Amino acid sequence: MNQKLHDDKEINKALKSAVQYGFEVLPVRKGHTACTVVAPNGQRLSVWSTPRDPGTMAKRIREFIRRHRM
């Protein structure tokens, strides 16, 4: 996947790993939300376009993947 999902490289890397685990990344670009990560079981995580700390947002994505992968 060569598509850039987010402007921050650490968040982009976490989103690419979500796609590899079978999660769906839906672009939103509405308000502060850049995209939504949807787990195979239907749970959702909103990813902000301008988080205060991009490292923390990437960590939240990786934790979401760990908790919801099947």
Protein backbone atom coordinates (compact mmCIF):
# COMPACT_ATOMS: atom_id res chain seq x y z
CA MET A 1 0.00 0.00 0.00
CA ASN A 2 1.60 3.24 -1.16
CA GLN A 3 -1.31 5.47 -0.21
CA LYS A 4 -0.53 8.04 2.47
CA LEU A 5 -3.24 7.66 5.09
CA HIS A 6 -2.06 10.44 7.44
CA ASP A 7 0.43 13.33 7.28
CA ASP A 8 2.41 12.13 10.32
CA LYS A 9 4.77 9.26 9.49
CA GLU A 10 4.36 7.46 12.84
CA ILE A 11 0.56 7.53 12.62
CA ASN A 12 0.73 6.53 8.96
CA LYS A 13 2.86 3.50 9.89
CA ALA A 14 0.34 2.47 12.59
CA LEU A 15 -2.55 2.82 10.12
CA LYS A 16 -0.75 0.69 7.55
CA SER A 17 -0.25 -2.04 10.15
CA ALA A 18 -3.99 -1.85 10.93
CA VAL A 19 -4.75 -2.50 7.27
CA GLN A 20 -2.35 -5.47 7.29
CA TYR A 21 -4.27 -6.99 10.22
CA GLY A 22 -7.55 -6.74 8.30
CA PHE A 23 -8.86 -3.48 9.78
CA GLU A 24 -10.56 -0.97 7.52
CA VAL A 25 -9.31 2.63 7.42
CA LEU A 26 -12.01 5.00 6.21
CA PRO A 27 -11.04 8.59 5.32
CA VAL A 28 -13.33 11.16 6.92
CA ARG A 29 -11.73 14.63 6.65
CA LYS A 30 -14.55 16.19 8.64
CA GLY A 31 -13.75 18.47 11.54
CA HIS A 32 -10.66 17.25 13.39
CA THR A 33 -11.04 13.64 12.31
CA ALA A 34 -8.72 12.47 9.52
CA CYS A 35 -9.94 8.88 9.34
CA THR A 36 -11.69 6.12 11.23
CA VAL A 37 -10.21 2.71 11.93
CA VAL A 38 -12.85 -0.04 11.87
CA ALA A 39 -12.06 -3.39 13.50
CA PRO A 40 -13.37 -6.68 12.06
CA ASN A 41 -15.85 -6.83 14.97
CA GLY A 42 -17.28 -3.36 14.17
CA GLN A 43 -15.53 -1.30 16.85
CA ARG A 44 -14.32 2.12 15.67
CA LEU A 45 -11.47 4.47 16.54
CA SER A 46 -11.33 8.05 15.30
CA VAL A 47 -7.90 9.31 14.28
CA TRP A 48 -7.39 13.06 14.54
CA SER A 49 -5.81 15.03 11.73
CA THR A 50 -3.86 17.28 14.11
CA PRO A 51 -3.27 15.43 17.40
CA ARG A 52 -1.41 17.23 20.17
CA ASP A 53 1.06 14.34 20.40
CA PRO A 54 1.26 12.19 17.27
CA GLY A 55 3.23 9.51 19.13
CA THR A 56 0.39 9.02 21.59
CA MET A 57 -2.15 8.76 18.78
CA ALA A 58 -0.01 6.11 17.05
CA LYS A 59 0.21 4.24 20.35
CA ARG A 60 -3.61 4.35 20.69
CA ILE A 61 -3.97 2.90 17.19
CA ARG A 62 -1.52 0.06 17.95
CA GLU A 63 -3.33 -0.67 21.24
CA PHE A 64 -6.68 -0.70 19.42
CA ILE A 65 -5.25 -3.20 16.91
CA ARG A 66 -3.93 -5.40 19.71
CA ARG A 67 -7.28 -5.44 21.55
CA HIS A 68 -9.58 -5.98 18.58
CA ARG A 69 -7.77 -8.21 16.12
CA MET A 70 -9.14 -11.67 15.61
